C-alpha atoms as a PDB file:
ATOM      1  CA  GLN A   1      18.948 -14.412  -3.207  1.00  0.00           C
ATOM      2  CA  VAL A   2      18.816 -14.897   0.543  1.00  0.00           C
ATOM      3  CA  GLN A   3      16.420 -12.784   2.538  1.00  0.00           C
ATOM      4  CA  LEU A   4      15.724 -12.902   6.271  1.00  0.00           C
ATOM      5  CA  VAL A   5      12.358 -11.451   7.202  1.00  0.00           C
ATOM      6  CA  GLN A   6      11.886 -10.434  10.816  1.00  0.00           C
ATOM      7  CA  SER A   7       8.780  -9.711  12.854  1.00  0.00           C
ATOM      8  CA  GLY A   8       7.954  -9.046  16.476  1.00  0.00           C
ATOM      9  CA  GLY A   9       9.588  -6.647  18.859  1.00  0.00           C
ATOM     10  CA  GLY A  10       8.164  -3.417  20.198  1.00  0.00           C
ATOM     11  CA  LEU A  11       7.742  -1.670  23.529  1.00  0.00           C
ATOM     12  CA  VAL A  12       7.174  -3.574  26.756  1.00  0.00           C
ATOM     13  CA  GLN A  13       7.430  -2.869  30.461  1.00  0.00           C
ATOM     14  CA  ALA A  14      10.174  -4.440  32.528  1.00  0.00           C
ATOM     15  CA  GLY A  15       9.230  -7.968  33.496  1.00  0.00           C
ATOM     16  CA  GLY A  16       7.183  -8.461  30.346  1.00  0.00           C
ATOM     17  CA  SER A  17       7.664 -10.775  27.405  1.00  0.00           C
ATOM     18  CA  LEU A  18       8.147 -10.499  23.660  1.00  0.00           C
ATOM     19  CA  THR A  19       8.709 -12.947  20.841  1.00  0.00           C
ATOM     20  CA  LEU A  20      10.854 -12.300  17.788  1.00  0.00           C
ATOM     21  CA  SER A  21      10.464 -14.299  14.574  1.00  0.00           C
ATOM     22  CA  CYS A  22      12.609 -14.678  11.493  1.00  0.00           C
ATOM     23  CA  VAL A  23      11.743 -16.464   8.251  1.00  0.00           C
ATOM     24  CA  ALA A  24      14.387 -17.338   5.680  1.00  0.00           C
ATOM     25  CA  ASN A  25      13.866 -17.136   1.935  1.00  0.00           C
ATOM     26  CA  GLY A  26      16.514 -18.547  -0.389  1.00  0.00           C
ATOM     27  CA  MET A  27      18.315 -20.660   2.204  1.00  0.00           C
ATOM     28  CA  THR A  28      17.628 -23.473   4.639  1.00  0.00           C
ATOM     29  CA  PHE A  29      18.149 -22.545   8.265  1.00  0.00           C
ATOM     30  CA  SER A  30      19.097 -26.058   9.291  1.00  0.00           C
ATOM     31  CA  SER A  31      22.114 -26.033   6.960  1.00  0.00           C
ATOM     32  CA  SER A  32      23.790 -23.172   8.841  1.00  0.00           C
ATOM     33  CA  SER A  33      24.276 -21.684  12.250  1.00  0.00           C
ATOM     34  CA  VAL A  34      21.498 -19.235  13.064  1.00  0.00           C
ATOM     35  CA  GLY A  35      20.823 -16.885  15.887  1.00  0.00           C
ATOM     36  CA  TRP A  36      20.055 -13.472  17.238  1.00  0.00           C
ATOM     37  CA  VAL A  37      22.400 -10.539  17.682  1.00  0.00           C
ATOM     38  CA  ARG A  38      21.563  -7.252  19.385  1.00  0.00           C
ATOM     39  CA  GLN A  39      23.117  -3.839  19.378  1.00  0.00           C
ATOM     40  CA  ALA A  40      22.282  -0.997  21.715  1.00  0.00           C
ATOM     41  CA  PRO A  41      23.228   2.600  20.885  1.00  0.00           C
ATOM     42  CA  GLY A  42      26.904   3.197  21.536  1.00  0.00           C
ATOM     43  CA  LYS A  43      27.601  -0.449  22.291  1.00  0.00           C
ATOM     44  CA  ASP A  44      29.166  -3.349  20.409  1.00  0.00           C
ATOM     45  CA  ARG A  45      27.105  -6.120  18.851  1.00  0.00           C
ATOM     46  CA  GLU A  46      26.298  -8.907  21.270  1.00  0.00           C
ATOM     47  CA  GLY A  47      25.451 -12.465  20.342  1.00  0.00           C
ATOM     48  CA  VAL A  48      22.257 -13.247  22.255  1.00  0.00           C
ATOM     49  CA  ALA A  49      21.436 -16.832  21.315  1.00  0.00           C
ATOM     50  CA  SER A  50      22.395 -19.292  18.624  1.00  0.00           C
ATOM     51  CA  ILE A  51      21.472 -22.694  17.208  1.00  0.00           C
ATOM     52  CA  ALA A  52      24.056 -24.796  15.420  1.00  0.00           C
ATOM     53  CA  SER A  53      23.191 -26.706  12.269  1.00  0.00           C
ATOM     54  CA  GLU A  54      22.908 -29.949  14.244  1.00  0.00           C
ATOM     55  CA  GLY A  55      20.452 -28.377  16.649  1.00  0.00           C
ATOM     56  CA  THR A  56      22.307 -27.535  19.838  1.00  0.00           C
ATOM     57  CA  SER A  57      21.847 -24.047  21.212  1.00  0.00           C
ATOM     58  CA  SER A  58      23.715 -21.525  23.286  1.00  0.00           C
ATOM     59  CA  CYS A  59      22.732 -18.315  25.047  1.00  0.00           C
ATOM     60  CA  ALA A  60      24.690 -15.379  26.347  1.00  0.00           C
ATOM     61  CA  ASP A  61      25.084 -15.265  30.117  1.00  0.00           C
ATOM     62  CA  SER A  62      23.180 -11.975  30.185  1.00  0.00           C
ATOM     63  CA  VAL A  63      19.994 -13.648  28.920  1.00  0.00           C
ATOM     64  CA  ASN A  64      20.427 -17.232  30.080  1.00  0.00           C
ATOM     65  CA  GLY A  65      17.308 -18.439  31.848  1.00  0.00           C
ATOM     66  CA  ARG A  66      15.185 -15.603  30.425  1.00  0.00           C
ATOM     67  CA  PHE A  67      15.481 -15.989  26.636  1.00  0.00           C
ATOM     68  CA  THR A  68      14.841 -19.136  24.625  1.00  0.00           C
ATOM     69  CA  ILE A  69      15.860 -19.668  21.017  1.00  0.00           C
ATOM     70  CA  SER A  70      14.077 -22.196  18.831  1.00  0.00           C
ATOM     71  CA  ARG A  71      14.022 -23.267  15.200  1.00  0.00           C
ATOM     72  CA  ASP A  72      11.159 -24.690  13.150  1.00  0.00           C
ATOM     73  CA  LYS A  73      12.612 -26.706  10.293  1.00  0.00           C
ATOM     74  CA  ALA A  74       9.290 -27.160   8.493  1.00  0.00           C
ATOM     75  CA  ALA A  75       8.605 -23.419   8.531  1.00  0.00           C
ATOM     76  CA  ASN A  76      12.277 -22.534   7.971  1.00  0.00           C
ATOM     77  CA  SER A  77      11.870 -20.103  10.842  1.00  0.00           C
ATOM     78  CA  LEU A  78      13.756 -18.947  13.898  1.00  0.00           C
ATOM     79  CA  TYR A  79      12.291 -17.589  17.105  1.00  0.00           C
ATOM     80  CA  LEU A  80      13.461 -15.814  20.234  1.00  0.00           C
ATOM     81  CA  GLN A  81      11.151 -15.941  23.224  1.00  0.00           C
ATOM     82  CA  MET A  82      12.151 -13.204  25.630  1.00  0.00           C
ATOM     83  CA  ASN A  83      10.790 -13.333  29.172  1.00  0.00           C
ATOM     84  CA  ARG A  84      11.419 -11.226  32.263  1.00  0.00           C
ATOM     85  CA  LEU A  85      12.720  -8.424  30.088  1.00  0.00           C
ATOM     86  CA  LYS A  86      14.937  -5.772  31.617  1.00  0.00           C
ATOM     87  CA  PRO A  87      15.652  -2.181  30.515  1.00  0.00           C
ATOM     88  CA  GLU A  88      19.188  -3.277  29.626  1.00  0.00           C
ATOM     89  CA  ASP A  89      17.702  -5.618  26.998  1.00  0.00           C
ATOM     90  CA  THR A  90      16.719  -2.544  24.982  1.00  0.00           C
ATOM     91  CA  ALA A  91      18.440  -2.796  21.595  1.00  0.00           C
ATOM     92  CA  MET A  92      18.005  -3.466  17.913  1.00  0.00           C
ATOM     93  CA  TYR A  93      17.763  -7.211  17.423  1.00  0.00           C
ATOM     94  CA  TYR A  94      18.977  -8.893  14.252  1.00  0.00           C
ATOM     95  CA  CYS A  95      18.397 -12.375  12.929  1.00  0.00           C
ATOM     96  CA  ALA A  96      21.613 -13.866  11.528  1.00  0.00           C
ATOM     97  CA  ALA A  97      22.476 -16.980   9.532  1.00  0.00           C
ATOM     98  CA  GLY A  98      25.778 -18.293   8.246  1.00  0.00           C
ATOM     99  CA  GLY A  99      28.926 -20.135   9.183  1.00  0.00           C
ATOM    100  CA  GLY A 100      27.944 -23.335   7.386  1.00  0.00           C
ATOM    101  CA  SER A 101      27.350 -26.561   9.265  1.00  0.00           C
ATOM    102  CA  SER A 102      30.653 -26.773  11.106  1.00  0.00           C
ATOM    103  CA  LEU A 103      30.243 -24.240  13.878  1.00  0.00           C
ATOM    104  CA  ALA A 104      29.287 -25.244  17.392  1.00  0.00           C
ATOM    105  CA  ALA A 105      26.519 -23.162  18.912  1.00  0.00           C
ATOM    106  CA  ILE A 106      28.856 -21.437  21.340  1.00  0.00           C
ATOM    107  CA  GLU A 107      31.231 -20.559  18.477  1.00  0.00           C
ATOM    108  CA  ALA A 108      28.356 -19.198  16.445  1.00  0.00           C
ATOM    109  CA  LEU A 109      27.407 -16.917  19.335  1.00  0.00           C
ATOM    110  CA  ASP A 110      30.673 -15.056  18.776  1.00  0.00           C
ATOM    111  CA  PHE A 111      31.068 -15.475  15.005  1.00  0.00           C
ATOM    112  CA  MET A 112      27.640 -14.048  14.176  1.00  0.00           C
ATOM    113  CA  THR A 113      28.594 -10.670  15.625  1.00  0.00           C
ATOM    114  CA  ARG A 114      31.124 -10.232  12.825  1.00  0.00           C
ATOM    115  CA  PRO A 115      30.073  -8.262   9.700  1.00  0.00           C
ATOM    116  CA  ASP A 116      31.245 -11.052   7.381  1.00  0.00           C
ATOM    117  CA  PHE A 117      29.307 -13.805   9.157  1.00  0.00           C
ATOM    118  CA  GLY A 118      26.672 -14.387   6.520  1.00  0.00           C
ATOM    119  CA  TYR A 119      23.167 -13.048   6.191  1.00  0.00           C
ATOM    120  CA  TRP A 120      21.299 -10.559   8.327  1.00  0.00           C
ATOM    121  CA  GLY A 121      17.744  -9.517   8.829  1.00  0.00           C
ATOM    122  CA  PRO A 122      16.833  -5.821   8.756  1.00  0.00           C
ATOM    123  CA  GLY A 123      16.569  -5.609  12.533  1.00  0.00           C
ATOM    124  CA  THR A 124      13.688  -5.006  14.885  1.00  0.00           C
ATOM    125  CA  GLN A 125      13.634  -2.642  17.849  1.00  0.00           C
ATOM    126  CA  VAL A 126      13.004  -3.946  21.353  1.00  0.00           C
ATOM    127  CA  THR A 127      12.458  -1.295  24.013  1.00  0.00           C
ATOM    128  CA  VAL A 128      11.958  -2.193  27.654  1.00  0.00           C
ATOM    129  CA  SER A 129      10.702   0.559  29.920  1.00  0.00           C
ATOM    130  CA  SER A 130      11.430   0.629  33.631  1.00  0.00           C
END
């Protein structure tokens, strides 16, 4: 059984930083596309950042230059370093994995917003105060 365990998140002032982590049990991250999706109240899911199976990554324009996604194969873990946070980054953030090994990172950024993408973590709240 696949389980994605998330940690990190919390409350931070605008301009601050946070790191999200996700550990996979029952699957190997490097065999699939993985990434982070966020959803703010009343808004659609947004793909934030993704890493394809072969290791290339992609970020949404809204976070490009501020957020960095990384993957640790040995630890079977995924990270999202979030810098220069803004109030509009406030959302529930979900770790996601799926799509097999065929998706490009930019494709995964869209695909992982879909309910049938694959596996999801429980979510962690990120709140940025102004």
